[in-house]
Amino acid sequence: ETAEEWLMPHLAGQRKGQALHVTDLTGRLASGLLNVLGTSERVWSLTDIEQVFEKVVDLATGRNPPVALSQHPLFVADLLLMREIAHHGQVASVSLSSDQP
């Protein structure tokens, strides 16, 4: 709820169906995706990003959470924010890049 309340005013200009492009300057998202979920995928539909988030929730609330999950807490936070923006902004897709400025 805290993330939603903070993000909602920033999504006012977002039009439904737009693509969300996320630049991962820190590498936390890419590292967490690879080390926690074993994927290097970088483009998702809204449904796909919801499933990625749900998988992390399932891992975190499971009987034996993987060690990699506890080693990537900022990945979880970044993924939560990305999911909230995608969900509430009703984006068509999400893409992740690690381009340096």
C-alpha atoms as a PDB file:
ATOM      1  CA  GLU A   1       0.000   0.000   0.000  1.00  0.00           C
ATOM      2  CA  THR A   2       2.824   2.396   0.779  1.00  0.00           C
ATOM      3  CA  ALA A   3       4.328   1.891  -2.680  1.00  0.00           C
ATOM      4  CA  GLU A   4       0.923   2.391  -4.303  1.00  0.00           C
ATOM      5  CA  GLU A   5       0.211   5.605  -2.407  1.00  0.00           C
ATOM      6  CA  TRP A   6       3.613   7.012  -3.276  1.00  0.00           C
ATOM      7  CA  LEU A   7       3.447   6.025  -6.951  1.00  0.00           C
ATOM      8  CA  MET A   8      -0.148   6.875  -7.866  1.00  0.00           C
ATOM      9  CA  PRO A   9       0.343  10.652  -8.244  1.00  0.00           C
ATOM     10  CA  HIS A  10       3.307   9.976 -10.562  1.00  0.00           C
ATOM     11  CA  LEU A  11       1.177   7.785 -12.833  1.00  0.00           C
ATOM     12  CA  ALA A  12      -1.399  10.465 -13.559  1.00  0.00           C
ATOM     13  CA  GLY A  13       0.145  11.253 -16.951  1.00  0.00           C
ATOM     14  CA  GLN A  14       0.577   7.605 -17.936  1.00  0.00           C
ATOM     15  CA  ARG A  15      -1.751   6.567 -20.724  1.00  0.00           C
ATOM     16  CA  LYS A  16      -3.200   3.080 -20.697  1.00  0.00           C
ATOM     17  CA  GLY A  17      -1.491   0.730 -23.123  1.00  0.00           C
ATOM     18  CA  GLN A  18       1.886   2.468 -23.254  1.00  0.00           C
ATOM     19  CA  ALA A  19       5.143   0.562 -22.981  1.00  0.00           C
ATOM     20  CA  LEU A  20       7.146   0.954 -19.781  1.00  0.00           C
ATOM     21  CA  HIS A  21      10.900   1.132 -20.402  1.00  0.00           C
ATOM     22  CA  VAL A  22      13.002   0.568 -17.294  1.00  0.00           C
ATOM     23  CA  THR A  23      16.722   1.306 -17.259  1.00  0.00           C
ATOM     24  CA  ASP A  24      18.521  -0.806 -14.667  1.00  0.00           C
ATOM     25  CA  LEU A  25      21.555   1.393 -13.994  1.00  0.00           C
ATOM     26  CA  THR A  26      22.424  -0.459 -10.787  1.00  0.00           C
ATOM     27  CA  GLY A  27      22.048  -3.931 -12.275  1.00  0.00           C
ATOM     28  CA  ARG A  28      19.883  -4.996  -9.325  1.00  0.00           C
ATOM     29  CA  LEU A  29      16.913  -6.074 -11.425  1.00  0.00           C
ATOM     30  CA  ALA A  30      18.992  -8.049 -13.937  1.00  0.00           C
ATOM     31  CA  SER A  31      21.018  -9.671 -11.158  1.00  0.00           C
ATOM     32  CA  GLY A  32      17.932 -10.604  -9.156  1.00  0.00           C
ATOM     33  CA  LEU A  33      16.122 -11.968 -12.192  1.00  0.00           C
ATOM     34  CA  LEU A  34      19.096 -14.163 -13.015  1.00  0.00           C
ATOM     35  CA  ASN A  35      20.095 -15.231  -9.504  1.00  0.00           C
ATOM     36  CA  VAL A  36      16.654 -15.561  -7.914  1.00  0.00           C
ATOM     37  CA  LEU A  37      14.491 -16.594 -10.862  1.00  0.00           C
ATOM     38  CA  GLY A  38      17.088 -17.989 -13.254  1.00  0.00           C
ATOM     39  CA  THR A  39      15.973 -15.835 -16.174  1.00  0.00           C
ATOM     40  CA  SER A  40      17.637 -13.252 -18.361  1.00  0.00           C
ATOM     41  CA  GLU A  41      14.359 -12.261 -20.013  1.00  0.00           C
ATOM     42  CA  ARG A  42      14.039  -8.502 -20.526  1.00  0.00           C
ATOM     43  CA  VAL A  43      10.602  -7.951 -22.098  1.00  0.00           C
ATOM     44  CA  TRP A  44       7.256  -8.848 -20.541  1.00  0.00           C
ATOM     45  CA  SER A  45       3.575  -8.280 -21.122  1.00  0.00           C
ATOM     46  CA  LEU A  46       1.583  -6.917 -18.189  1.00  0.00           C
ATOM     47  CA  THR A  47       0.397 -10.465 -17.464  1.00  0.00           C
ATOM     48  CA  ASP A  48       3.981 -11.750 -17.565  1.00  0.00           C
ATOM     49  CA  ILE A  49       5.277  -9.124 -15.117  1.00  0.00           C
ATOM     50  CA  GLU A  50       2.424  -9.988 -12.740  1.00  0.00           C
ATOM     51  CA  GLN A  51       3.488 -13.649 -12.931  1.00  0.00           C
ATOM     52  CA  VAL A  52       7.139 -12.764 -12.266  1.00  0.00           C
ATOM     53  CA  PHE A  53       6.073 -10.785  -9.212  1.00  0.00           C
ATOM     54  CA  GLU A  54       3.788 -13.579  -7.990  1.00  0.00           C
ATOM     55  CA  LYS A  55       6.620 -16.082  -8.355  1.00  0.00           C
ATOM     56  CA  VAL A  56       8.841 -13.943  -6.117  1.00  0.00           C
ATOM     57  CA  VAL A  57       6.003 -13.638  -3.588  1.00  0.00           C
ATOM     58  CA  ASP A  58       5.555 -17.425  -3.663  1.00  0.00           C
ATOM     59  CA  LEU A  59       9.288 -17.929  -3.121  1.00  0.00           C
ATOM     60  CA  ALA A  60       9.375 -15.416  -0.269  1.00  0.00           C
ATOM     61  CA  THR A  61       6.390 -16.911   1.513  1.00  0.00           C
ATOM     62  CA  GLY A  62       7.266 -20.538   0.874  1.00  0.00           C
ATOM     63  CA  ARG A  63       8.483 -23.005   3.444  1.00  0.00           C
ATOM     64  CA  ASN A  64      12.142 -22.769   2.366  1.00  0.00           C
ATOM     65  CA  PRO A  65      12.826 -19.476   0.591  1.00  0.00           C
ATOM     66  CA  PRO A  66      15.930 -19.676  -1.589  1.00  0.00           C
ATOM     67  CA  VAL A  67      19.082 -18.121  -0.175  1.00  0.00           C
ATOM     68  CA  ALA A  68      19.422 -16.045  -3.356  1.00  0.00           C
ATOM     69  CA  LEU A  69      16.209 -14.243  -2.450  1.00  0.00           C
ATOM     70  CA  SER A  70      17.598 -13.023   0.869  1.00  0.00           C
ATOM     71  CA  GLN A  71      20.775 -11.916  -0.915  1.00  0.00           C
ATOM     72  CA  HIS A  72      18.811  -9.653  -3.291  1.00  0.00           C
ATOM     73  CA  PRO A  73      16.427  -7.584  -1.139  1.00  0.00           C
ATOM     74  CA  LEU A  74      16.787  -4.497  -3.341  1.00  0.00           C
ATOM     75  CA  PHE A  75      15.789  -6.594  -6.366  1.00  0.00           C
ATOM     76  CA  VAL A  76      12.550  -7.424  -4.567  1.00  0.00           C
ATOM     77  CA  ALA A  77      11.936  -3.737  -3.823  1.00  0.00           C
ATOM     78  CA  ASP A  78      12.727  -2.724  -7.419  1.00  0.00           C
ATOM     79  CA  LEU A  79      10.497  -5.479  -8.792  1.00  0.00           C
ATOM     80  CA  LEU A  80       7.653  -4.362  -6.527  1.00  0.00           C
ATOM     81  CA  LEU A  81       7.898  -0.787  -7.798  1.00  0.00           C
ATOM     82  CA  MET A  82       8.136  -1.926 -11.423  1.00  0.00           C
ATOM     83  CA  ARG A  83       5.104  -4.169 -10.955  1.00  0.00           C
ATOM     84  CA  GLU A  84       3.078  -1.398  -9.306  1.00  0.00           C
ATOM     85  CA  ILE A  85       3.864   1.060 -12.092  1.00  0.00           C
ATOM     86  CA  ALA A  86       2.979  -1.532 -14.739  1.00  0.00           C
ATOM     87  CA  HIS A  87      -0.186  -2.644 -12.954  1.00  0.00           C
ATOM     88  CA  HIS A  88      -1.634   0.743 -12.072  1.00  0.00           C
ATOM     89  CA  GLY A  89      -0.402   2.356 -15.282  1.00  0.00           C
ATOM     90  CA  GLN A  90      -2.027  -0.483 -17.233  1.00  0.00           C
ATOM     91  CA  VAL A  91       0.952  -0.682 -19.555  1.00  0.00           C
ATOM     92  CA  ALA A  92       1.032  -2.925 -22.615  1.00  0.00           C
ATOM     93  CA  SER A  93       4.550  -4.162 -21.947  1.00  0.00           C
ATOM     94  CA  VAL A  94       7.604  -3.736 -19.761  1.00  0.00           C
ATOM     95  CA  SER A  95      11.165  -3.780 -21.080  1.00  0.00           C
ATOM     96  CA  LEU A  96      14.361  -3.728 -19.080  1.00  0.00           C
ATOM     97  CA  SER A  97      17.690  -2.385 -20.268  1.00  0.00           C
ATOM     98  CA  SER A  98      20.995  -1.835 -18.515  1.00  0.00           C
ATOM     99  CA  ASP A  99      22.198   0.996 -20.733  1.00  0.00           C
ATOM    100  CA  GLN A 100      24.626   3.261 -18.967  1.00  0.00           C
ATOM    101  CA  PRO A 101      24.131   7.019 -19.371  1.00  0.00           C
END
